[in-house]
Structure formats: C-alpha cells, structure tokens
Amino acid sequence: MIRKSSAVWNGTGKEGKGTLTSTSGVLSNTPYSFAARFESEDGKAGTNPEELIAAAHAGCFTMALSFQLTGAGFTPTELKTEAAVKVEPVEGGFAIASIQLNLTGSVPDISEQQFLELANAAKEGCPVSKALSAVSISLDAKLV
C-alpha cells in the first residue's frame, strides 16, 4: 500500500506560495505558505505541514484505539482526539519539539485503568506514532 500527495511551490521561501494535493482529493490545490505555517495560527491563510501531521496523528491514534478497545471486548460510543504539534525555532530553522494527544472517550462498561492502558497501547502502536518516534509524544486521556 502506498499513499501519495504532492506539493507545488512558486517563489522564495518567505514570500512564495504553494499548493498541496492528495490522491483522494481531500487536498486539492490547497494553499500553504510561510505565513500559514509560521505566522497565522488561525488557519485562515491555508494549511501547513504541521497541521497535516497533527490531523494524521489524531486520525491514526484514534482508529488504533478503536481497534484496541474492540479487541478487548469494548465498543466505544465516541473517541475524540486533538493532536497539538509544537514547532519551535532551532539553529538553522525550525523543528517539531513535541506532540500532545488530548483524548476524550465514551466507552461503556470500561474501567478508567483499562481505558488508559489501551489508550497508551494505541499511542505506542499506531503507525504515525511510530513514524514520529523521534519526537516526544504525550497523551492526556479522559474517560467521560
């Protein structure tokens, strides 16, 4: 299985602009720029790679947790994850410093301890977590 997306960039790094397109069409000439990446946190200027990493990580982790729960005999009513990718300046540019996963879950008949154990297993086992293992990934999980 291979998943593909493409980027096109025109101009300099700071003043230029680009677009991102994915095979699925979810991204279709979606704009991104220096301003969207480093200056505009409201997201109105377009997307950025870190936002896309956050979306990928939230999606992968949440699906992995659903599989963990189902395998343990539980059916989640709702799992909601926000992934926050922290970008910091470093010598020579910027780096992803950490990722915070904030999870709230509604899972009938599960104990908080079981929920936390399965959530941590999903965090360690999801393919995106594994790919991002060079970065500190923390999890705050709440059973509601």
C-alpha atoms as a PDB file:
ATOM      1  CA  MET A   1       0.000   0.000   0.000  1.00  0.00           C
ATOM      2  CA  ILE A   2       1.352   3.410  -0.999  1.00  0.00           C
ATOM      3  CA  ARG A   3      -0.317   6.726  -0.213  1.00  0.00           C
ATOM      4  CA  LYS A   4       0.643   9.818  -2.207  1.00  0.00           C
ATOM      5  CA  SER A   5       0.331  13.582  -2.013  1.00  0.00           C
ATOM      6  CA  SER A   6       2.136  16.289  -3.940  1.00  0.00           C
ATOM      7  CA  ALA A   7       3.349  19.818  -3.331  1.00  0.00           C
ATOM      8  CA  VAL A   8       3.977  22.648  -5.774  1.00  0.00           C
ATOM      9  CA  TRP A   9       5.873  25.774  -4.658  1.00  0.00           C
ATOM     10  CA  ASN A  10       6.389  29.046  -6.529  1.00  0.00           C
ATOM     11  CA  GLY A  11       8.744  31.775  -5.379  1.00  0.00           C
ATOM     12  CA  THR A  12      11.057  32.284  -2.430  1.00  0.00           C
ATOM     13  CA  GLY A  13      10.682  30.536   0.898  1.00  0.00           C
ATOM     14  CA  LYS A  14       9.270  33.541   2.742  1.00  0.00           C
ATOM     15  CA  GLU A  15       7.283  35.296   0.007  1.00  0.00           C
ATOM     16  CA  GLY A  16       6.367  32.313  -2.149  1.00  0.00           C
ATOM     17  CA  LYS A  17       3.238  30.239  -2.090  1.00  0.00           C
ATOM     18  CA  GLY A  18       2.404  26.637  -2.692  1.00  0.00           C
ATOM     19  CA  THR A  19      -0.377  24.122  -3.038  1.00  0.00           C
ATOM     20  CA  LEU A  20      -0.870  20.609  -1.726  1.00  0.00           C
ATOM     21  CA  THR A  21      -2.880  17.907  -3.483  1.00  0.00           C
ATOM     22  CA  SER A  22      -3.697  14.378  -2.353  1.00  0.00           C
ATOM     23  CA  THR A  23      -4.792  11.397  -4.393  1.00  0.00           C
ATOM     24  CA  SER A  24      -8.104  11.217  -2.516  1.00  0.00           C
ATOM     25  CA  GLY A  25      -8.919  14.806  -3.441  1.00  0.00           C
ATOM     26  CA  VAL A  26      -9.307  15.862   0.199  1.00  0.00           C
ATOM     27  CA  LEU A  27      -6.468  18.243  -0.544  1.00  0.00           C
ATOM     28  CA  SER A  28      -6.919  19.788  -3.966  1.00  0.00           C
ATOM     29  CA  ASN A  29      -4.558  22.644  -4.702  1.00  0.00           C
ATOM     30  CA  THR A  30      -4.875  23.566  -1.009  1.00  0.00           C
ATOM     31  CA  PRO A  31      -2.799  26.687  -0.348  1.00  0.00           C
ATOM     32  CA  TYR A  32       0.141  26.834   2.029  1.00  0.00           C
ATOM     33  CA  SER A  33       2.786  29.468   2.653  1.00  0.00           C
ATOM     34  CA  PHE A  34       5.321  30.774   5.137  1.00  0.00           C
ATOM     35  CA  ALA A  35       2.610  32.955   6.689  1.00  0.00           C
ATOM     36  CA  ALA A  36       0.220  29.997   7.006  1.00  0.00           C
ATOM     37  CA  ARG A  37       2.974  27.947   8.583  1.00  0.00           C
ATOM     38  CA  PHE A  38       4.689  30.351  10.943  1.00  0.00           C
ATOM     39  CA  GLU A  39       2.576  33.483  11.368  1.00  0.00           C
ATOM     40  CA  SER A  40      -1.147  32.704  11.067  1.00  0.00           C
ATOM     41  CA  GLU A  41      -2.276  30.341  13.808  1.00  0.00           C
ATOM     42  CA  ASP A  42      -5.969  30.771  12.970  1.00  0.00           C
ATOM     43  CA  GLY A  43      -5.599  28.612   9.835  1.00  0.00           C
ATOM     44  CA  LYS A  44      -7.297  31.125   7.549  1.00  0.00           C
ATOM     45  CA  ALA A  45      -4.212  31.641   5.394  1.00  0.00           C
ATOM     46  CA  GLY A  46      -4.097  27.973   4.370  1.00  0.00           C
ATOM     47  CA  THR A  47      -2.769  24.750   5.785  1.00  0.00           C
ATOM     48  CA  ASN A  48       0.763  23.766   6.775  1.00  0.00           C
ATOM     49  CA  PRO A  49       2.726  20.538   7.127  1.00  0.00           C
ATOM     50  CA  GLU A  50       2.482  20.506  10.922  1.00  0.00           C
ATOM     51  CA  GLU A  51      -1.313  20.834  10.848  1.00  0.00           C
ATOM     52  CA  LEU A  52      -1.426  17.896   8.450  1.00  0.00           C
ATOM     53  CA  ILE A  53       0.863  15.865  10.732  1.00  0.00           C
ATOM     54  CA  ALA A  54      -1.481  16.670  13.633  1.00  0.00           C
ATOM     55  CA  ALA A  55      -4.506  15.523  11.621  1.00  0.00           C
ATOM     56  CA  ALA A  56      -2.748  12.338  10.528  1.00  0.00           C
ATOM     57  CA  HIS A  57      -1.633  11.562  14.071  1.00  0.00           C
ATOM     58  CA  ALA A  58      -5.058  12.252  15.610  1.00  0.00           C
ATOM     59  CA  GLY A  59      -6.752  10.077  12.989  1.00  0.00           C
ATOM     60  CA  CYS A  60      -4.287   7.201  13.207  1.00  0.00           C
ATOM     61  CA  PHE A  61      -4.196   7.139  17.010  1.00  0.00           C
ATOM     62  CA  THR A  62      -7.987   7.311  17.348  1.00  0.00           C
ATOM     63  CA  MET A  63      -8.534   4.477  14.877  1.00  0.00           C
ATOM     64  CA  ALA A  64      -5.803   2.405  16.581  1.00  0.00           C
ATOM     65  CA  LEU A  65      -7.532   2.948  19.919  1.00  0.00           C
ATOM     66  CA  SER A  66     -10.852   1.832  18.455  1.00  0.00           C
ATOM     67  CA  PHE A  67      -9.174  -1.409  17.363  1.00  0.00           C
ATOM     68  CA  GLN A  68      -7.564  -1.828  20.815  1.00  0.00           C
ATOM     69  CA  LEU A  69     -10.924  -1.333  22.524  1.00  0.00           C
ATOM     70  CA  THR A  70     -12.785  -3.658  20.163  1.00  0.00           C
ATOM     71  CA  GLY A  71     -10.113  -6.330  20.607  1.00  0.00           C
ATOM     72  CA  ALA A  72     -10.574  -6.075  24.379  1.00  0.00           C
ATOM     73  CA  GLY A  73     -14.349  -6.505  24.054  1.00  0.00           C
ATOM     74  CA  PHE A  74     -15.454  -2.863  24.317  1.00  0.00           C
ATOM     75  CA  THR A  75     -17.413  -0.783  21.812  1.00  0.00           C
ATOM     76  CA  PRO A  76     -16.618   2.919  22.001  1.00  0.00           C
ATOM     77  CA  THR A  77     -19.519   5.335  21.680  1.00  0.00           C
ATOM     78  CA  GLU A  78     -17.203   8.219  20.796  1.00  0.00           C
ATOM     79  CA  LEU A  79     -13.466   8.830  20.743  1.00  0.00           C
ATOM     80  CA  LYS A  80     -12.276  12.387  20.148  1.00  0.00           C
ATOM     81  CA  THR A  81      -8.609  13.285  19.842  1.00  0.00           C
ATOM     82  CA  GLU A  82      -6.908  16.618  19.356  1.00  0.00           C
ATOM     83  CA  ALA A  83      -3.241  16.441  18.364  1.00  0.00           C
ATOM     84  CA  ALA A  84      -1.153  19.541  19.030  1.00  0.00           C
ATOM     85  CA  VAL A  85       2.163  19.694  17.163  1.00  0.00           C
ATOM     86  CA  LYS A  86       4.564  22.159  18.817  1.00  0.00           C
ATOM     87  CA  VAL A  87       7.041  23.850  16.468  1.00  0.00           C
ATOM     88  CA  GLU A  88       9.999  25.757  17.876  1.00  0.00           C
ATOM     89  CA  PRO A  89      12.837  27.722  16.338  1.00  0.00           C
ATOM     90  CA  VAL A  90      16.191  25.957  16.413  1.00  0.00           C
ATOM     91  CA  GLU A  91      19.571  26.813  14.987  1.00  0.00           C
ATOM     92  CA  GLY A  92      19.181  26.790  11.225  1.00  0.00           C
ATOM     93  CA  GLY A  93      15.379  26.830  11.130  1.00  0.00           C
ATOM     94  CA  PHE A  94      12.524  25.147  12.957  1.00  0.00           C
ATOM     95  CA  ALA A  95      11.841  21.732  14.472  1.00  0.00           C
ATOM     96  CA  ILE A  96       8.875  19.798  15.775  1.00  0.00           C
ATOM     97  CA  ALA A  97       9.552  19.817  19.514  1.00  0.00           C
ATOM     98  CA  SER A  98       6.661  17.688  20.774  1.00  0.00           C
ATOM     99  CA  ILE A  99       3.199  16.325  20.103  1.00  0.00           C
ATOM    100  CA  GLN A 100       0.402  16.357  22.665  1.00  0.00           C
ATOM    101  CA  LEU A 101      -2.546  13.984  22.161  1.00  0.00           C
ATOM    102  CA  ASN A 102      -5.667  15.033  24.089  1.00  0.00           C
ATOM    103  CA  LEU A 103      -8.277  12.278  24.121  1.00  0.00           C
ATOM    104  CA  THR A 104     -11.790  12.115  25.482  1.00  0.00           C
ATOM    105  CA  GLY A 105     -13.612   8.834  25.172  1.00  0.00           C
ATOM    106  CA  SER A 106     -17.020   7.481  25.900  1.00  0.00           C
ATOM    107  CA  VAL A 107     -16.768   3.708  26.280  1.00  0.00           C
ATOM    108  CA  PRO A 108     -19.499   1.803  28.117  1.00  0.00           C
ATOM    109  CA  ASP A 109     -18.514  -0.723  30.797  1.00  0.00           C
ATOM    110  CA  ILE A 110     -14.760   0.008  30.799  1.00  0.00           C
ATOM    111  CA  SER A 111     -12.725   0.976  33.840  1.00  0.00           C
ATOM    112  CA  GLU A 112     -10.565   4.065  33.731  1.00  0.00           C
ATOM    113  CA  GLN A 113      -7.457   1.900  34.194  1.00  0.00           C
ATOM    114  CA  GLN A 114      -8.369  -0.337  31.228  1.00  0.00           C
ATOM    115  CA  PHE A 115      -9.120   2.735  29.109  1.00  0.00           C
ATOM    116  CA  LEU A 116      -5.748   4.322  29.944  1.00  0.00           C
ATOM    117  CA  GLU A 117      -3.856   1.074  29.286  1.00  0.00           C
ATOM    118  CA  LEU A 118      -5.483   0.629  25.880  1.00  0.00           C
ATOM    119  CA  ALA A 119      -5.011   4.317  25.004  1.00  0.00           C
ATOM    120  CA  ASN A 120      -1.298   4.083  25.803  1.00  0.00           C
ATOM    121  CA  ALA A 121      -1.001   0.896  23.752  1.00  0.00           C
ATOM    122  CA  ALA A 122      -2.652   2.689  20.818  1.00  0.00           C
ATOM    123  CA  LYS A 123      -0.288   5.648  21.224  1.00  0.00           C
ATOM    124  CA  GLU A 124       2.730   3.353  21.076  1.00  0.00           C
ATOM    125  CA  GLY A 125       1.392   1.135  18.316  1.00  0.00           C
ATOM    126  CA  CYS A 126      -0.180   3.422  15.747  1.00  0.00           C
ATOM    127  CA  PRO A 127       1.926   3.740  12.579  1.00  0.00           C
ATOM    128  CA  VAL A 128       2.059   7.545  12.741  1.00  0.00           C
ATOM    129  CA  SER A 129       3.310   7.459  16.353  1.00  0.00           C
ATOM    130  CA  LYS A 130       5.979   5.015  15.271  1.00  0.00           C
ATOM    131  CA  ALA A 131       6.999   7.257  12.360  1.00  0.00           C
ATOM    132  CA  LEU A 132       7.197  10.270  14.686  1.00  0.00           C
ATOM    133  CA  SER A 133       9.034   8.447  17.482  1.00  0.00           C
ATOM    134  CA  ALA A 134      11.976  10.875  17.353  1.00  0.00           C
ATOM    135  CA  VAL A 135       9.637  13.458  18.890  1.00  0.00           C
ATOM    136  CA  SER A 136       8.261  13.445  22.435  1.00  0.00           C
ATOM    137  CA  ILE A 137       4.613  12.303  22.261  1.00  0.00           C
ATOM    138  CA  SER A 138       2.449  12.723  25.349  1.00  0.00           C
ATOM    139  CA  LEU A 139      -1.110  11.601  25.979  1.00  0.00           C
ATOM    140  CA  ASP A 140      -3.810  13.084  28.183  1.00  0.00           C
ATOM    141  CA  ALA A 141      -6.747  10.660  28.160  1.00  0.00           C
ATOM    142  CA  LYS A 142     -10.087  11.208  29.859  1.00  0.00           C
ATOM    143  CA  LEU A 143     -12.949   8.761  30.083  1.00  0.00           C
ATOM    144  CA  VAL A 144     -16.315  10.548  30.082  1.00  0.00           C
END
